[in-house]
């Protein structure tokens, strides 16, 4: 009876270790995905900037590049936060690792918030309001807003 319990405990431990290793590998995949997002986003940003630069000039090209790459950075930060969460859960669930994860999430959240304010020019919850310049998408809507 004791031997069967020991075998069951060992098999459960192997299953848990295998699951934790799978989560750790998934976290590594998310790290690689973050690099791919940044590299792919950089290529897309350069392509869009060149295209817009040929049509509308340098200032428009700069604005498109800035906005596009800012969105890429926001996506990359979200992917990194997901990887950190998985890594913390799978590798070591100690108080110090959870506190370190909390600090990383706070720093990356503040960074994401700052990038979003820089891109939108206003606080995120104000951007979606009717009449806000970022919410006005068509030329007709902008003209109607100016006349009002």
N, C-alpha and C. Protein backbone atom coordinates (compact mmCIF):
# COMPACT_ATOMS: atom_id res chain seq x y z
N UNK A 1 0.82 -1.20 0.00
CA UNK A 1 0.00 0.00 0.00
C UNK A 1 0.86 1.27 0.00
N UNK A 2 1.89 1.28 0.86
CA UNK A 2 2.78 2.43 0.93
C UNK A 2 3.54 2.59 -0.37
N UNK A 3 3.92 1.48 -0.98
CA UNK A 3 4.64 1.52 -2.25
C UNK A 3 3.79 2.12 -3.35
N UNK A 4 2.49 1.78 -3.39
CA UNK A 4 1.59 2.35 -4.39
C UNK A 4 1.43 3.85 -4.19
N UNK A 5 1.34 4.28 -2.94
CA UNK A 5 1.20 5.72 -2.66
C UNK A 5 2.46 6.47 -3.09
N UNK A 6 3.63 5.86 -2.86
CA UNK A 6 4.88 6.50 -3.25
C UNK A 6 4.96 6.61 -4.77
N UNK A 7 4.52 5.56 -5.50
CA UNK A 7 4.52 5.60 -6.96
C UNK A 7 3.55 6.66 -7.46
N UNK A 8 2.36 6.75 -6.83
CA UNK A 8 1.38 7.76 -7.23
C UNK A 8 1.92 9.16 -6.99
N UNK A 9 2.57 9.39 -5.85
CA UNK A 9 3.14 10.71 -5.56
C UNK A 9 4.24 11.06 -6.55
N UNK A 10 5.07 10.06 -6.90
CA UNK A 10 6.14 10.32 -7.86
C UNK A 10 5.57 10.65 -9.24
N UNK A 11 4.52 9.92 -9.65
CA UNK A 11 3.93 10.20 -10.97
C UNK A 11 3.26 11.57 -10.98
N UNK A 12 2.63 11.95 -9.85
CA UNK A 12 2.03 13.29 -9.77
C UNK A 12 3.11 14.36 -9.82
N UNK A 13 4.24 14.10 -9.14
CA UNK A 13 5.34 15.07 -9.16
C UNK A 13 5.90 15.21 -10.56
N UNK A 14 6.03 14.09 -11.29
CA UNK A 14 6.51 14.15 -12.67
C UNK A 14 5.54 14.93 -13.55
N UNK A 15 4.23 14.73 -13.35
CA UNK A 15 3.23 15.47 -14.13
C UNK A 15 3.33 16.96 -13.84
N UNK A 16 3.48 17.32 -12.56
CA UNK A 16 3.59 18.74 -12.20
C UNK A 16 4.86 19.33 -12.78
N UNK A 17 5.98 18.61 -12.64
CA UNK A 17 7.24 19.11 -13.20
C UNK A 17 7.14 19.25 -14.72
N UNK A 18 6.50 18.29 -15.38
CA UNK A 18 6.32 18.37 -16.83
C UNK A 18 5.46 19.55 -17.22
N UNK A 19 4.42 19.81 -16.45
CA UNK A 19 3.55 20.96 -16.73
C UNK A 19 4.30 22.26 -16.51
N UNK A 20 5.09 22.32 -15.44
CA UNK A 20 5.86 23.54 -15.18
C UNK A 20 6.90 23.78 -16.25
N UNK A 21 7.51 22.70 -16.74
CA UNK A 21 8.47 22.85 -17.82
C UNK A 21 7.79 23.32 -19.10
N UNK A 22 6.59 22.84 -19.35
CA UNK A 22 5.84 23.27 -20.53
C UNK A 22 5.51 24.76 -20.43
N UNK A 23 5.12 25.20 -19.24
CA UNK A 23 4.82 26.63 -19.06
C UNK A 23 6.08 27.45 -19.21
N UNK A 24 7.21 26.95 -18.71
CA UNK A 24 8.49 27.67 -18.86
C UNK A 24 8.87 27.78 -20.33
N UNK A 25 8.65 26.70 -21.09
CA UNK A 25 8.92 26.76 -22.54
C UNK A 25 7.98 27.74 -23.23
N UNK A 26 6.74 27.78 -22.79
CA UNK A 26 5.79 28.73 -23.37
C UNK A 26 6.22 30.17 -23.06
N UNK A 27 6.75 30.41 -21.87
CA UNK A 27 7.25 31.74 -21.53
C UNK A 27 8.43 32.11 -22.43
N UNK A 28 9.30 31.15 -22.70
CA UNK A 28 10.42 31.40 -23.62
C UNK A 28 9.90 31.71 -25.02
N UNK A 29 8.85 31.00 -25.43
CA UNK A 29 8.24 31.29 -26.73
C UNK A 29 7.72 32.72 -26.78
N UNK A 30 7.10 33.18 -25.70
CA UNK A 30 6.60 34.55 -25.66
C UNK A 30 7.75 35.56 -25.72
N UNK A 31 8.90 35.24 -25.13
CA UNK A 31 10.06 36.11 -25.25
C UNK A 31 10.50 36.24 -26.71
N UNK A 32 10.54 35.09 -27.40
CA UNK A 32 10.90 35.09 -28.82
C UNK A 32 9.84 35.83 -29.63
N UNK A 33 8.58 35.63 -29.26
CA UNK A 33 7.49 36.33 -29.94
C UNK A 33 7.63 37.84 -29.79
N UNK A 34 8.05 38.29 -28.63
CA UNK A 34 8.26 39.72 -28.41
C UNK A 34 9.32 40.27 -29.36
N UNK A 35 10.41 39.55 -29.50
CA UNK A 35 11.46 39.97 -30.44
C UNK A 35 10.91 39.99 -31.86
N UNK A 36 10.13 38.99 -32.22
CA UNK A 36 9.54 38.94 -33.56
C UNK A 36 8.58 40.10 -33.78
N UNK A 37 7.80 40.44 -32.75
CA UNK A 37 6.88 41.58 -32.86
C UNK A 37 7.66 42.86 -33.11
N UNK A 38 8.75 43.05 -32.37
CA UNK A 38 9.54 44.27 -32.55
C UNK A 38 10.20 44.31 -33.92
N UNK A 39 10.78 43.20 -34.35
CA UNK A 39 11.44 43.18 -35.67
C UNK A 39 10.43 43.34 -36.80
N UNK A 40 9.33 42.59 -36.73
CA UNK A 40 8.30 42.72 -37.76
C UNK A 40 7.66 44.10 -37.75
N UNK A 41 7.41 44.62 -36.55
CA UNK A 41 6.84 45.95 -36.44
C UNK A 41 7.76 47.03 -36.96
N UNK A 42 9.05 46.84 -36.76
CA UNK A 42 10.03 47.80 -37.30
C UNK A 42 10.00 47.79 -38.81
N UNK A 43 9.94 46.60 -39.40
CA UNK A 43 9.88 46.50 -40.86
C UNK A 43 8.59 47.14 -41.40
N UNK A 44 7.47 46.87 -40.74
CA UNK A 44 6.20 47.47 -41.17
C UNK A 44 6.25 48.99 -41.00
N UNK A 45 6.83 49.45 -39.90
CA UNK A 45 6.93 50.89 -39.65
C UNK A 45 7.75 51.56 -40.74
N UNK A 46 8.88 50.99 -41.08
CA UNK A 46 9.73 51.58 -42.12
C UNK A 46 9.00 51.58 -43.46
N UNK A 47 8.33 50.47 -43.78
CA UNK A 47 7.59 50.41 -45.05
C UNK A 47 6.48 51.44 -45.12
N UNK A 48 5.72 51.58 -44.03
CA UNK A 48 4.64 52.57 -44.02
C UNK A 48 5.19 53.99 -44.09
N UNK A 49 6.30 54.23 -43.39
CA UNK A 49 6.89 55.58 -43.40
C UNK A 49 7.39 55.94 -44.79
N UNK A 50 8.01 55.01 -45.47
CA UNK A 50 8.48 55.28 -46.83
C UNK A 50 7.30 55.54 -47.76
N UNK A 51 6.28 54.72 -47.66
CA UNK A 51 5.10 54.88 -48.50
C UNK A 51 4.43 56.24 -48.27
N UNK A 52 4.20 56.58 -47.02
CA UNK A 52 3.55 57.86 -46.71
C UNK A 52 4.47 59.02 -47.07
N UNK A 53 5.78 58.84 -46.88
CA UNK A 53 6.73 59.89 -47.23
C UNK A 53 6.70 60.24 -48.70
N UNK A 54 6.52 59.24 -49.55
CA UNK A 54 6.45 59.50 -50.99
C UNK A 54 5.18 60.24 -51.37
N UNK A 55 4.10 59.97 -50.64
CA UNK A 55 2.81 60.58 -50.97
C UNK A 55 2.65 61.96 -50.33
N UNK A 56 2.92 62.04 -49.03
CA UNK A 56 2.56 63.24 -48.28
C UNK A 56 3.75 64.02 -47.73
N UNK A 57 4.95 63.52 -47.86
CA UNK A 57 6.11 64.27 -47.38
C UNK A 57 6.65 63.77 -46.06
N UNK A 58 7.72 64.44 -45.63
CA UNK A 58 8.48 64.01 -44.47
C UNK A 58 7.76 64.09 -43.14
N UNK A 59 7.01 65.16 -42.92
CA UNK A 59 6.33 65.30 -41.63
C UNK A 59 5.27 64.22 -41.44
N UNK A 60 4.49 63.96 -42.47
CA UNK A 60 3.47 62.91 -42.39
C UNK A 60 4.13 61.55 -42.21
N UNK A 61 5.26 61.34 -42.88
CA UNK A 61 5.98 60.10 -42.75
C UNK A 61 6.46 59.89 -41.31
N UNK A 62 6.99 60.94 -40.71
CA UNK A 62 7.44 60.87 -39.32
C UNK A 62 6.28 60.54 -38.38
N UNK A 63 5.14 61.19 -38.58
CA UNK A 63 4.00 60.96 -37.71
C UNK A 63 3.48 59.53 -37.82
N UNK A 64 3.44 59.01 -39.05
CA UNK A 64 3.00 57.63 -39.25
C UNK A 64 3.99 56.65 -38.62
N UNK A 65 5.27 56.91 -38.80
CA UNK A 65 6.29 56.03 -38.22
C UNK A 65 6.21 56.04 -36.70
N UNK A 66 6.05 57.21 -36.13
CA UNK A 66 5.97 57.34 -34.67
C UNK A 66 4.77 56.60 -34.11
N UNK A 67 3.64 56.78 -34.74
CA UNK A 67 2.41 56.15 -34.26
C UNK A 67 2.47 54.63 -34.44
N UNK A 68 2.94 54.18 -35.59
CA UNK A 68 3.01 52.74 -35.86
C UNK A 68 3.98 52.06 -34.91
N UNK A 69 5.17 52.63 -34.74
CA UNK A 69 6.15 51.99 -33.86
C UNK A 69 5.72 52.06 -32.40
N UNK A 70 5.01 53.10 -32.03
CA UNK A 70 4.48 53.17 -30.67
C UNK A 70 3.51 52.03 -30.39
N UNK A 71 2.66 51.73 -31.36
CA UNK A 71 1.73 50.61 -31.20
C UNK A 71 2.48 49.28 -31.13
N UNK A 72 3.55 49.16 -31.89
CA UNK A 72 4.37 47.96 -31.84
C UNK A 72 4.98 47.79 -30.45
N UNK A 73 5.49 48.87 -29.90
CA UNK A 73 6.07 48.81 -28.55
C UNK A 73 5.04 48.43 -27.51
N UNK A 74 3.83 48.96 -27.64
CA UNK A 74 2.76 48.60 -26.70
C UNK A 74 2.46 47.10 -26.77
N UNK A 75 2.37 46.57 -27.97
CA UNK A 75 2.11 45.14 -28.13
C UNK A 75 3.26 44.31 -27.55
N UNK A 76 4.49 44.73 -27.80
CA UNK A 76 5.65 43.99 -27.28
C UNK A 76 5.66 43.99 -25.75
N UNK A 77 5.30 45.11 -25.14
CA UNK A 77 5.24 45.17 -23.68
C UNK A 77 4.19 44.22 -23.13
N UNK A 78 3.05 44.12 -23.79
CA UNK A 78 2.01 43.20 -23.34
C UNK A 78 2.49 41.75 -23.43
N UNK A 79 3.20 41.43 -24.50
CA UNK A 79 3.72 40.07 -24.66
C UNK A 79 4.75 39.77 -23.57
N UNK A 80 5.61 40.75 -23.25
CA UNK A 80 6.60 40.54 -22.19
C UNK A 80 5.94 40.35 -20.82
N UNK A 81 4.89 41.07 -20.55
CA UNK A 81 4.18 40.90 -19.28
C UNK A 81 3.61 39.48 -19.20
N UNK A 82 3.05 38.99 -20.28
CA UNK A 82 2.52 37.62 -20.30
C UNK A 82 3.64 36.61 -20.05
N UNK A 83 4.79 36.82 -20.67
CA UNK A 83 5.92 35.91 -20.47
C UNK A 83 6.39 35.93 -19.03
N UNK A 84 6.45 37.11 -18.43
CA UNK A 84 6.87 37.21 -17.03
C UNK A 84 5.89 36.51 -16.10
N UNK A 85 4.61 36.66 -16.37
CA UNK A 85 3.61 35.98 -15.55
C UNK A 85 3.78 34.46 -15.61
N UNK A 86 3.94 33.94 -16.80
CA UNK A 86 4.11 32.50 -16.95
C UNK A 86 5.39 32.02 -16.29
N UNK A 87 6.46 32.78 -16.47
CA UNK A 87 7.74 32.37 -15.90
C UNK A 87 7.68 32.36 -14.38
N UNK A 88 7.05 33.35 -13.78
CA UNK A 88 6.97 33.41 -12.33
C UNK A 88 6.15 32.26 -11.78
N UNK A 89 5.05 31.93 -12.44
CA UNK A 89 4.20 30.84 -11.97
C UNK A 89 4.90 29.50 -12.14
N UNK A 90 5.64 29.33 -13.23
CA UNK A 90 6.23 28.02 -13.52
C UNK A 90 7.54 27.76 -12.80
N UNK A 91 8.36 28.78 -12.63
CA UNK A 91 9.70 28.53 -12.10
C UNK A 91 9.76 28.57 -10.58
N UNK A 92 9.31 29.64 -10.00
CA UNK A 92 9.42 29.74 -8.54
C UNK A 92 8.31 30.63 -8.02
N UNK A 93 7.53 30.06 -7.15
CA UNK A 93 6.44 30.83 -6.57
C UNK A 93 6.82 31.23 -5.15
N UNK A 94 7.82 32.09 -5.05
CA UNK A 94 8.24 32.59 -3.75
C UNK A 94 7.75 34.02 -3.61
N UNK A 95 7.76 34.50 -2.41
CA UNK A 95 7.33 35.89 -2.17
C UNK A 95 8.20 36.86 -2.95
N UNK A 96 9.50 36.64 -2.97
CA UNK A 96 10.39 37.57 -3.67
C UNK A 96 10.14 37.56 -5.17
N UNK A 97 9.87 36.38 -5.76
CA UNK A 97 9.61 36.35 -7.20
C UNK A 97 8.28 37.00 -7.54
N UNK A 98 7.27 36.82 -6.68
CA UNK A 98 5.98 37.46 -6.92
C UNK A 98 6.10 38.98 -6.77
N UNK A 99 6.87 39.43 -5.78
CA UNK A 99 7.08 40.88 -5.61
C UNK A 99 7.86 41.46 -6.80
N UNK A 100 8.85 40.72 -7.27
CA UNK A 100 9.61 41.18 -8.44
C UNK A 100 8.70 41.26 -9.67
N UNK A 101 7.83 40.26 -9.83
CA UNK A 101 6.87 40.28 -10.93
C UNK A 101 5.94 41.48 -10.81
N UNK A 102 5.45 41.73 -9.60
CA UNK A 102 4.58 42.88 -9.38
C UNK A 102 5.26 44.18 -9.75
N UNK A 103 6.52 44.32 -9.37
CA UNK A 103 7.26 45.53 -9.71
C UNK A 103 7.45 45.66 -11.22
N UNK A 104 7.77 44.54 -11.89
CA UNK A 104 7.90 44.57 -13.35
C UNK A 104 6.60 44.96 -14.03
N UNK A 105 5.50 44.40 -13.55
CA UNK A 105 4.20 44.72 -14.15
C UNK A 105 3.87 46.19 -13.94
N UNK A 106 4.15 46.72 -12.76
CA UNK A 106 3.88 48.14 -12.49
C UNK A 106 4.72 49.02 -13.41
N UNK A 107 6.01 48.73 -13.52
CA UNK A 107 6.90 49.54 -14.37
C UNK A 107 6.45 49.47 -15.82
N UNK A 108 6.13 48.27 -16.31
CA UNK A 108 5.71 48.13 -17.71
C UNK A 108 4.34 48.74 -17.96
N UNK A 109 3.47 48.71 -16.96
CA UNK A 109 2.17 49.35 -17.11
C UNK A 109 2.32 50.86 -17.20
N UNK A 110 3.17 51.43 -16.36
CA UNK A 110 3.42 52.87 -16.41
C UNK A 110 4.05 53.24 -17.75
N UNK A 111 4.98 52.42 -18.22
CA UNK A 111 5.60 52.68 -19.52
C UNK A 111 4.57 52.60 -20.65
N UNK A 112 3.70 51.60 -20.61
CA UNK A 112 2.64 51.48 -21.63
C UNK A 112 1.71 52.68 -21.59
N UNK A 113 1.35 53.09 -20.38
CA UNK A 113 0.47 54.24 -20.20
C UNK A 113 1.13 55.50 -20.77
N UNK A 114 2.42 55.68 -20.50
CA UNK A 114 3.14 56.85 -21.02
C UNK A 114 3.22 56.84 -22.53
N UNK A 115 3.49 55.68 -23.11
CA UNK A 115 3.56 55.58 -24.57
C UNK A 115 2.21 55.89 -25.18
N UNK A 116 1.14 55.38 -24.57
CA UNK A 116 -0.19 55.63 -25.11
C UNK A 116 -0.54 57.12 -25.03
N UNK A 117 -0.20 57.78 -23.94
CA UNK A 117 -0.44 59.22 -23.84
C UNK A 117 0.36 59.96 -24.90
N UNK A 118 1.60 59.54 -25.11
CA UNK A 118 2.44 60.18 -26.12
C UNK A 118 1.84 60.01 -27.52
N UNK A 119 1.28 58.84 -27.80
CA UNK A 119 0.70 58.58 -29.13
C UNK A 119 -0.61 59.32 -29.33
N UNK A 120 -1.48 59.28 -28.33
CA UNK A 120 -2.81 59.84 -28.48
C UNK A 120 -2.87 61.33 -28.15
N UNK A 121 -1.93 61.81 -27.35
CA UNK A 121 -1.92 63.22 -26.99
C UNK A 121 -2.85 63.55 -25.84
N UNK A 122 -3.44 62.54 -25.23
CA UNK A 122 -4.38 62.78 -24.12
C UNK A 122 -4.49 61.50 -23.31
N UNK A 123 -5.17 61.60 -22.19
CA UNK A 123 -5.38 60.43 -21.34
C UNK A 123 -6.23 59.40 -22.09
N UNK A 124 -5.95 58.12 -21.91
CA UNK A 124 -6.65 57.08 -22.69
C UNK A 124 -8.17 57.12 -22.55
N UNK A 125 -8.69 57.44 -21.39
CA UNK A 125 -10.13 57.43 -21.20
C UNK A 125 -10.81 58.67 -21.80
N UNK A 126 -10.02 59.66 -22.19
CA UNK A 126 -10.60 60.84 -22.84
C UNK A 126 -10.62 60.70 -24.35
N UNK A 127 -9.80 59.85 -24.89
CA UNK A 127 -9.66 59.74 -26.34
C UNK A 127 -10.93 59.27 -27.01
N UNK A 128 -11.68 58.37 -26.41
CA UNK A 128 -12.87 57.82 -27.03
C UNK A 128 -14.10 58.69 -26.94
N UNK A 129 -14.01 59.81 -26.25
CA UNK A 129 -15.18 60.69 -26.12
C UNK A 129 -15.58 61.29 -27.46
N UNK A 130 -16.88 61.46 -27.67
CA UNK A 130 -17.33 62.11 -28.91
C UNK A 130 -16.78 63.53 -28.99
N UNK A 131 -16.31 63.90 -30.16
CA UNK A 131 -15.78 65.24 -30.36
C UNK A 131 -14.30 65.36 -30.07
N UNK A 132 -13.68 64.34 -29.46
CA UNK A 132 -12.25 64.38 -29.21
C UNK A 132 -11.52 64.25 -30.55
N UNK A 133 -10.45 65.01 -30.77
CA UNK A 133 -9.76 64.96 -32.07
C UNK A 133 -9.35 63.55 -32.50
N UNK A 134 -8.96 62.70 -31.55
CA UNK A 134 -8.55 61.35 -31.92
C UNK A 134 -9.76 60.48 -32.28
N UNK A 135 -10.94 60.83 -31.81
CA UNK A 135 -12.14 60.05 -32.12
C UNK A 135 -12.75 60.45 -33.46
N UNK A 136 -12.37 61.59 -33.98
CA UNK A 136 -12.90 62.06 -35.27
C UNK A 136 -12.04 61.47 -36.37
N UNK A 137 -12.62 60.62 -37.17
CA UNK A 137 -11.81 59.85 -38.11
C UNK A 137 -11.90 60.33 -39.56
N UNK A 138 -13.00 60.88 -39.96
CA UNK A 138 -13.12 61.28 -41.36
C UNK A 138 -13.04 62.79 -41.49
N UNK A 139 -12.72 63.23 -42.69
CA UNK A 139 -12.61 64.66 -42.95
C UNK A 139 -13.95 65.35 -42.74
N UNK A 140 -15.03 64.69 -43.13
CA UNK A 140 -16.35 65.28 -42.95
C UNK A 140 -16.67 65.45 -41.47
N UNK A 141 -16.32 64.45 -40.66
CA UNK A 141 -16.54 64.56 -39.22
C UNK A 141 -15.72 65.71 -38.63
N UNK A 142 -14.48 65.87 -39.10
CA UNK A 142 -13.65 66.97 -38.60
C UNK A 142 -14.25 68.32 -38.99
N UNK A 143 -14.72 68.41 -40.24
CA UNK A 143 -15.31 69.66 -40.70
C UNK A 143 -16.58 69.99 -39.92
N UNK A 144 -17.40 68.96 -39.67
CA UNK A 144 -18.62 69.16 -38.89
C UNK A 144 -18.29 69.60 -37.47
N UNK A 145 -17.23 69.03 -36.90
CA UNK A 145 -16.84 69.39 -35.53
C UNK A 145 -16.34 70.83 -35.48
N UNK A 146 -15.64 71.28 -36.53
CA UNK A 146 -15.12 72.66 -36.55
C UNK A 146 -16.27 73.66 -36.67
N UNK A 147 -17.29 73.29 -37.43
CA UNK A 147 -18.42 74.20 -37.63
C UNK A 147 -19.28 74.29 -36.37
N UNK A 148 -19.29 73.27 -35.55
CA UNK A 148 -20.15 73.26 -34.35
C UNK A 148 -19.64 74.13 -33.24
